[in-house]
Amino acid sequence: MISISGLDTTGTLTAKLSLVAAHLLLEVLPSWVKGEIKPRPQDKDRATYSGEFSKQDGEIDWKLPAVDIWRRVRAFDPWPGCYTRWQGKQIKIIKAVPLPSEGNVDIGQVVTLNKGDMAVGVGTGDGILGILRVQLEGKQTMSADEFLRGQRQFTGAVLPSEQ
């Protein structure tokens, strides 16, 4: 059994599951070669289908609840990544955490948080998404605090919601 933490992403789970799969393969493969394992078809009534993701699936809709956006940030890491736009550039949200609302914060509004590593948050349809790490288009990944030091006008901006 694999436990999934609130810090896990698709990338970290892929690494964990690949180790489990490698061990299982070593256990099962000899029996398969000997003909001791009989394959069974998958039960089509219990199977589920997931379509392929596109880059556009990573665009953040700030009208969603903070917890849903947080889950997408984790699910879409490393690809396609979650992003928004500001001043004509893409900003990837690398690491975030959902928080309850603090007063009147409009959807997409960037607010200062001053909560340890969380220097900034964005208003959502339900709560605030506390931002920990970001990547501005063409730049390296950095903490939200580092980003704000170089982009002071980011606070107070209203980020667009997906249409």
Protein backbone atom coordinates (compact mmCIF):
# COMPACT_ATOMS: atom_id res chain seq x y z
CA MET A 1 0.00 0.00 0.00
CA ILE A 2 1.20 3.52 -0.83
CA SER A 3 0.19 6.44 1.34
CA ILE A 4 -0.49 9.71 -0.44
CA SER A 5 0.40 12.86 1.46
CA GLY A 6 -0.79 16.40 0.91
CA LEU A 7 2.66 17.15 -0.49
CA ASP A 8 2.62 14.43 -3.15
CA THR A 9 2.39 15.34 -6.81
CA THR A 10 2.01 13.21 -9.92
CA GLY A 11 5.80 13.26 -10.16
CA THR A 12 6.43 12.07 -6.59
CA LEU A 13 3.73 9.38 -6.81
CA THR A 14 5.14 8.15 -10.11
CA ALA A 15 8.51 7.66 -8.43
CA LYS A 16 6.96 5.84 -5.44
CA LEU A 17 4.81 3.59 -7.62
CA SER A 18 7.66 2.74 -9.98
CA LEU A 19 9.60 1.27 -7.04
CA VAL A 20 6.59 -0.81 -5.99
CA ALA A 21 6.07 -1.95 -9.59
CA ALA A 22 9.72 -2.99 -9.95
CA HIS A 23 9.49 -5.17 -6.82
CA LEU A 24 6.20 -6.71 -7.94
CA LEU A 25 7.62 -7.43 -11.36
CA LEU A 26 10.50 -9.35 -9.78
CA GLU A 27 7.99 -11.38 -7.76
CA VAL A 28 5.50 -12.06 -10.55
CA LEU A 29 7.66 -12.43 -13.67
CA PRO A 30 9.14 -15.86 -12.81
CA SER A 31 5.63 -17.30 -12.28
CA TRP A 32 4.48 -15.76 -15.55
CA VAL A 33 7.41 -17.31 -17.47
CA LYS A 34 6.64 -20.74 -15.92
CA GLY A 35 3.00 -20.45 -17.03
CA GLU A 36 1.74 -20.49 -13.44
CA ILE A 37 -0.25 -17.28 -13.90
CA LYS A 38 -3.33 -17.26 -16.07
CA PRO A 39 -4.30 -13.84 -17.47
CA ARG A 40 -7.84 -12.54 -16.93
CA PRO A 41 -9.53 -9.86 -18.99
CA GLN A 42 -10.33 -6.59 -17.24
CA ASP A 43 -13.96 -6.17 -16.09
CA LYS A 44 -15.20 -3.56 -18.57
CA ASP A 45 -18.10 -2.59 -16.28
CA ARG A 46 -15.67 -1.51 -13.55
CA ALA A 47 -13.09 0.12 -15.81
CA THR A 48 -12.83 3.89 -16.05
CA TYR A 49 -11.49 6.11 -18.79
CA SER A 50 -9.45 9.24 -18.49
CA GLY A 51 -8.82 11.41 -21.52
CA GLU A 52 -5.44 12.88 -22.35
CA PHE A 53 -4.45 16.19 -20.80
CA SER A 54 -3.48 19.19 -22.87
CA LYS A 55 -1.42 22.23 -21.91
CA GLN A 56 -4.66 24.24 -21.67
CA ASP A 57 -5.93 21.95 -18.89
CA GLY A 58 -3.35 23.56 -16.60
CA GLU A 59 -4.85 27.05 -16.87
CA ILE A 60 -6.22 28.05 -13.47
CA ASP A 61 -9.86 29.00 -13.10
CA TRP A 62 -9.84 31.16 -9.97
CA LYS A 63 -13.62 30.67 -9.62
CA LEU A 64 -12.94 27.12 -8.40
CA PRO A 65 -12.51 26.50 -4.66
CA ALA A 66 -8.94 26.86 -3.36
CA VAL A 67 -8.82 23.17 -2.42
CA ASP A 68 -9.67 22.14 -6.01
CA ILE A 69 -6.97 24.40 -7.48
CA TRP A 70 -4.48 23.03 -4.92
CA ARG A 71 -5.32 19.49 -6.04
CA ARG A 72 -4.80 20.47 -9.67
CA VAL A 73 -1.43 22.05 -8.86
CA ARG A 74 -0.36 18.71 -7.39
CA ALA A 75 -1.98 16.55 -10.08
CA PHE A 76 -0.54 18.54 -12.99
CA ASP A 77 3.03 18.51 -11.63
CA PRO A 78 5.23 17.99 -13.57
CA TRP A 79 3.01 18.26 -16.68
CA PRO A 80 1.09 20.23 -17.89
CA GLY A 81 1.63 22.38 -14.80
CA CYS A 82 -0.86 24.92 -13.42
CA TYR A 83 -0.55 28.48 -14.61
CA THR A 84 -2.19 31.86 -14.79
CA ARG A 85 -1.39 35.05 -16.70
CA TRP A 86 -0.20 38.40 -15.42
CA GLN A 87 0.99 41.37 -17.46
CA GLY A 88 1.02 39.25 -20.61
CA LYS A 89 3.26 36.57 -19.11
CA GLN A 90 2.57 33.10 -17.83
CA ILE A 91 3.12 32.37 -14.14
CA LYS A 92 3.27 28.73 -13.12
CA ILE A 93 2.09 27.90 -9.62
CA ILE A 94 4.57 25.26 -8.49
CA LYS A 95 3.55 24.82 -4.85
CA ALA A 96 0.50 26.11 -3.02
CA VAL A 97 -1.84 25.40 -0.11
CA PRO A 98 -5.58 26.09 0.34
CA LEU A 99 -6.55 28.53 3.09
CA PRO A 100 -9.89 29.79 4.43
CA SER A 101 -11.02 33.22 3.26
CA GLU A 102 -9.84 36.22 5.22
CA GLY A 103 -12.36 39.02 4.76
CA ASN A 104 -13.45 40.22 1.35
CA VAL A 105 -11.07 38.94 -1.30
CA ASP A 106 -12.29 39.00 -4.89
CA ILE A 107 -11.86 36.03 -7.18
CA GLY A 108 -8.40 36.24 -8.75
CA GLN A 109 -7.28 39.07 -6.45
CA VAL A 110 -3.67 38.82 -5.25
CA VAL A 111 -3.29 39.57 -1.54
CA THR A 112 -0.37 39.75 0.89
CA LEU A 113 -0.48 36.98 3.51
CA ASN A 114 2.69 37.23 5.63
CA LYS A 115 2.28 33.67 6.91
CA GLY A 116 5.83 32.32 7.10
CA ASP A 117 6.69 30.91 3.68
CA MET A 118 3.39 32.19 2.27
CA ALA A 119 3.91 35.79 1.32
CA VAL A 120 1.04 35.95 -1.14
CA GLY A 121 -2.31 34.36 -1.92
CA VAL A 122 -5.02 34.54 -4.55
CA GLY A 123 -8.76 34.77 -3.93
CA THR A 124 -10.75 31.85 -5.29
CA GLY A 125 -14.39 30.80 -5.50
CA ASP A 126 -14.03 29.48 -1.96
CA GLY A 127 -11.02 30.48 0.13
CA ILE A 128 -7.55 31.70 -0.72
CA LEU A 129 -4.84 29.76 -2.50
CA GLY A 130 -1.64 30.45 -0.56
CA ILE A 131 1.27 30.53 -3.01
CA LEU A 132 4.62 29.05 -1.95
CA ARG A 133 6.58 28.64 -5.20
CA VAL A 134 6.13 30.15 -8.66
CA GLN A 135 7.87 30.37 -12.00
CA LEU A 136 7.51 33.46 -14.15
CA GLU A 137 7.75 32.76 -17.87
CA GLY A 138 11.41 32.62 -18.90
CA LYS A 139 12.69 32.61 -15.29
CA GLN A 140 13.76 30.03 -12.71
CA THR A 141 11.41 28.59 -10.09
CA MET A 142 11.46 30.72 -6.93
CA SER A 143 9.66 31.22 -3.65
CA ALA A 144 6.65 33.52 -3.73
CA ASP A 145 8.53 35.82 -1.36
CA GLU A 146 11.46 36.13 -3.81
CA PHE A 147 9.01 36.72 -6.65
CA LEU A 148 7.28 39.54 -4.74
CA ARG A 149 10.58 41.28 -4.02
CA GLY A 150 11.14 41.66 -7.75
CA GLN A 151 7.49 42.14 -8.72
CA ARG A 152 5.95 44.38 -6.04
CA GLN A 153 3.09 45.42 -8.32
CA PHE A 154 1.84 41.81 -8.29
CA THR A 155 0.10 42.40 -4.96
CA GLY A 156 -3.36 43.83 -5.63
CA ALA A 157 -3.48 42.54 -9.21
CA VAL A 158 -6.53 40.59 -10.36
CA LEU A 159 -5.61 37.44 -12.24
CA PRO A 160 -7.87 36.25 -15.08
CA SER A 161 -10.18 33.27 -14.64
CA GLU A 162 -10.37 30.64 -17.32
CA GLN A 163 -13.26 31.31 -19.69
